[in-house]
Amino acid sequence: MRPTVVLLCAIGCLCFLPKKDQHREIFIYDHENALDPEEEMRLDTLFRGHEARTTNEIVLVTTRDYKGAPDLMTFAATCGDSLRVGKKRKNNGVIVAFSRNLREVYIATGLGTERVFAEARSHKYIDSLMLPLFKEQMFFDGLWSGCTAMVRHLELPENRIE
């Protein structure tokens, strides 16, 4: 390919990435088909409303495997970076990575979010709210329980991310 064609392709691809100060278009990436359309809509509405109230961005990614990453934690962090989750100056993004196939869930936070939603809290939500329901094959209920608790916590006035 000629250099001008490559440059035009690169510029064209950049047009589809969300601008950092705009609202996110997609909050649910269900690559595992773990959710039905109504469940996706409920989570999308939860995350979209949270972004409107706080500017924080929460994205759920489901996957059958790590897509070349060594573990779900690395997969989640890579997704957060590649999807550009969170506002640039605030680093207020959260990725909820879930795999029914691998029987794993992980919550990755941006540096700004980490200050008000520490890793210990995400482990607590996973262990006490999500995993018990996952063990009962209630995958959506587990995701909903953990994600609504996370939203409630992040929306407390003292947890505002500047």
Protein backbone atom coordinates (compact mmCIF):
# COMPACT_ATOMS: atom_id res chain seq x y z
CA MET A 1 0.00 0.00 0.00
CA ARG A 2 1.11 3.53 -0.64
CA PRO A 3 1.85 5.73 2.40
CA THR A 4 -1.08 8.07 1.66
CA VAL A 5 -3.53 5.17 1.63
CA VAL A 6 -2.19 3.89 4.97
CA LEU A 7 -2.46 7.37 6.47
CA LEU A 8 -6.05 7.75 5.25
CA CYS A 9 -6.97 4.34 6.68
CA ALA A 10 -5.45 5.26 10.04
CA ILE A 11 -7.30 8.58 10.12
CA GLY A 12 -10.53 6.84 9.10
CA CYS A 13 -10.19 4.32 11.96
CA LEU A 14 -9.63 7.10 14.47
CA CYS A 15 -13.01 8.57 13.57
CA PHE A 16 -14.72 5.54 15.11
CA LEU A 17 -12.99 5.79 18.49
CA PRO A 18 -14.98 7.69 21.11
CA LYS A 19 -13.71 11.17 21.89
CA LYS A 20 -12.72 11.27 25.54
CA ASP A 21 -15.13 14.00 26.59
CA GLN A 22 -18.14 12.47 24.85
CA HIS A 23 -20.56 9.91 26.20
CA ARG A 24 -19.66 6.28 25.59
CA GLU A 25 -21.63 4.53 22.87
CA ILE A 26 -21.24 0.89 23.97
CA PHE A 27 -21.21 -0.40 27.56
CA ILE A 28 -21.74 -4.14 26.99
CA TYR A 29 -19.48 -6.38 24.91
CA ASP A 30 -21.07 -9.82 25.29
CA HIS A 31 -18.65 -11.94 23.25
CA GLU A 32 -19.70 -15.06 25.15
CA ASN A 33 -23.44 -14.62 24.60
CA ALA A 34 -23.87 -14.92 28.35
CA LEU A 35 -26.78 -12.46 28.51
CA ASP A 36 -30.13 -12.26 26.80
CA PRO A 37 -31.17 -8.94 25.19
CA GLU A 38 -33.26 -7.85 28.18
CA GLU A 39 -30.38 -8.48 30.58
CA GLU A 40 -27.99 -6.56 28.33
CA MET A 41 -30.47 -3.67 28.23
CA ARG A 42 -30.79 -3.58 32.04
CA LEU A 43 -27.01 -3.44 32.51
CA ASP A 44 -26.63 -0.92 29.68
CA THR A 45 -29.25 1.30 31.32
CA LEU A 46 -27.49 1.01 34.69
CA PHE A 47 -24.07 1.91 33.23
CA ARG A 48 -25.43 4.65 30.93
CA GLY A 49 -27.28 6.30 33.81
CA HIS A 50 -24.21 6.09 36.01
CA GLU A 51 -22.11 7.80 33.35
CA ALA A 52 -24.71 10.56 32.97
CA ARG A 53 -24.69 11.18 36.73
CA THR A 54 -20.93 10.91 37.36
CA THR A 55 -18.99 10.76 34.03
CA ASN A 56 -17.54 7.41 35.23
CA GLU A 57 -17.60 4.71 32.58
CA ILE A 58 -18.35 1.08 33.47
CA VAL A 59 -18.07 -1.51 30.71
CA LEU A 60 -18.90 -5.22 30.88
CA VAL A 61 -16.93 -7.58 28.65
CA THR A 62 -17.75 -11.28 28.50
CA THR A 63 -15.33 -13.71 26.90
CA ARG A 64 -14.83 -17.43 26.40
CA ASP A 65 -11.03 -17.12 26.79
CA TYR A 66 -8.25 -14.65 27.57
CA LYS A 67 -7.67 -13.74 23.90
CA GLY A 68 -3.91 -14.26 24.27
CA ALA A 69 -3.59 -12.64 27.70
CA PRO A 70 -2.11 -14.75 30.52
CA ASP A 71 -5.12 -14.26 32.83
CA LEU A 72 -8.45 -12.46 33.20
CA MET A 73 -6.86 -9.57 35.09
CA THR A 74 -4.54 -8.79 32.17
CA PHE A 75 -7.37 -9.34 29.70
CA ALA A 76 -9.54 -6.82 31.60
CA ALA A 77 -6.77 -4.20 31.76
CA THR A 78 -6.04 -4.64 28.06
CA CYS A 79 -9.74 -4.25 27.23
CA GLY A 80 -9.92 -1.08 29.31
CA ASP A 81 -6.98 0.41 27.44
CA SER A 82 -8.05 -0.66 23.96
CA LEU A 83 -11.69 0.42 24.46
CA ARG A 84 -10.52 3.68 26.07
CA VAL A 85 -12.80 3.22 29.09
CA GLY A 86 -12.90 6.26 31.37
CA LYS A 87 -12.41 9.94 30.75
CA LYS A 88 -8.84 10.85 29.84
CA ARG A 89 -8.12 13.38 32.58
CA LYS A 90 -10.03 11.47 35.28
CA ASN A 91 -9.06 7.83 34.61
CA ASN A 92 -12.53 6.99 35.90
CA GLY A 93 -13.18 3.76 34.06
CA VAL A 94 -14.13 0.28 35.25
CA ILE A 95 -14.05 -2.97 33.28
CA VAL A 96 -16.06 -5.91 34.55
CA ALA A 97 -14.61 -8.96 32.78
CA PHE A 98 -16.69 -12.12 33.04
CA SER A 99 -16.27 -15.60 31.61
CA ARG A 100 -18.89 -18.24 32.25
CA ASN A 101 -16.73 -20.69 30.30
CA LEU A 102 -13.64 -20.07 32.47
CA ARG A 103 -15.71 -19.57 35.63
CA GLU A 104 -14.02 -16.26 36.41
CA VAL A 105 -14.88 -12.61 36.99
CA TYR A 106 -12.55 -9.67 37.53
CA ILE A 107 -13.09 -5.94 38.08
CA ALA A 108 -10.35 -3.66 36.73
CA THR A 109 -10.33 0.05 37.58
CA GLY A 110 -8.64 3.12 36.18
CA LEU A 111 -6.19 4.97 38.39
CA GLY A 112 -8.79 7.61 39.29
CA THR A 113 -11.44 5.04 40.13
CA GLU A 114 -8.96 2.97 42.14
CA ARG A 115 -8.72 5.77 44.73
CA VAL A 116 -12.41 5.37 45.66
CA PHE A 117 -12.96 1.75 44.64
CA ALA A 118 -9.92 -0.18 45.84
CA GLU A 119 -9.10 -3.73 44.76
CA ALA A 120 -10.11 -5.04 48.20
CA ARG A 121 -13.64 -3.67 47.67
CA SER A 122 -13.91 -5.25 44.21
CA HIS A 123 -12.82 -8.61 45.68
CA LYS A 124 -15.43 -8.22 48.42
CA TYR A 125 -18.19 -7.57 45.87
CA ILE A 126 -17.06 -10.49 43.74
CA ASP A 127 -16.78 -12.90 46.67
CA SER A 128 -19.93 -11.89 48.56
CA LEU A 129 -22.33 -10.68 45.85
CA MET A 130 -21.39 -12.28 42.55
CA LEU A 131 -19.85 -15.71 43.16
CA PRO A 132 -22.66 -17.10 45.37
CA LEU A 133 -25.15 -16.41 42.56
CA PHE A 134 -22.78 -17.70 39.86
CA LYS A 135 -22.54 -20.99 41.80
CA GLU A 136 -26.32 -21.26 41.49
CA GLN A 137 -26.02 -20.69 37.70
CA MET A 138 -27.62 -17.24 38.15
CA PHE A 139 -25.07 -15.38 36.05
CA PHE A 140 -27.06 -12.25 35.29
CA ASP A 141 -28.21 -11.96 38.91
CA GLY A 142 -24.59 -12.16 40.08
CA LEU A 143 -23.47 -9.51 37.61
CA TRP A 144 -26.44 -7.31 38.48
CA SER A 145 -25.84 -7.63 42.22
CA GLY A 146 -22.14 -6.75 41.98
CA CYS A 147 -22.60 -3.97 39.43
CA THR A 148 -25.47 -2.23 41.26
CA ALA A 149 -23.44 -2.30 44.49
CA MET A 150 -20.47 -0.83 42.64
CA VAL A 151 -22.63 1.93 41.12
CA ARG A 152 -24.14 2.78 44.52
CA HIS A 153 -20.65 3.03 46.03
CA LEU A 154 -19.24 5.15 43.20
CA GLU A 155 -22.22 7.52 43.40
CA LEU A 156 -21.70 8.39 47.06
CA PRO A 157 -20.78 12.10 47.27
CA GLU A 158 -17.47 11.36 48.97
CA ASN A 159 -16.46 9.09 46.08
CA ARG A 160 -16.71 11.72 43.35
CA ILE A 161 -13.75 11.42 40.98
CA GLU A 162 -12.36 14.81 39.98
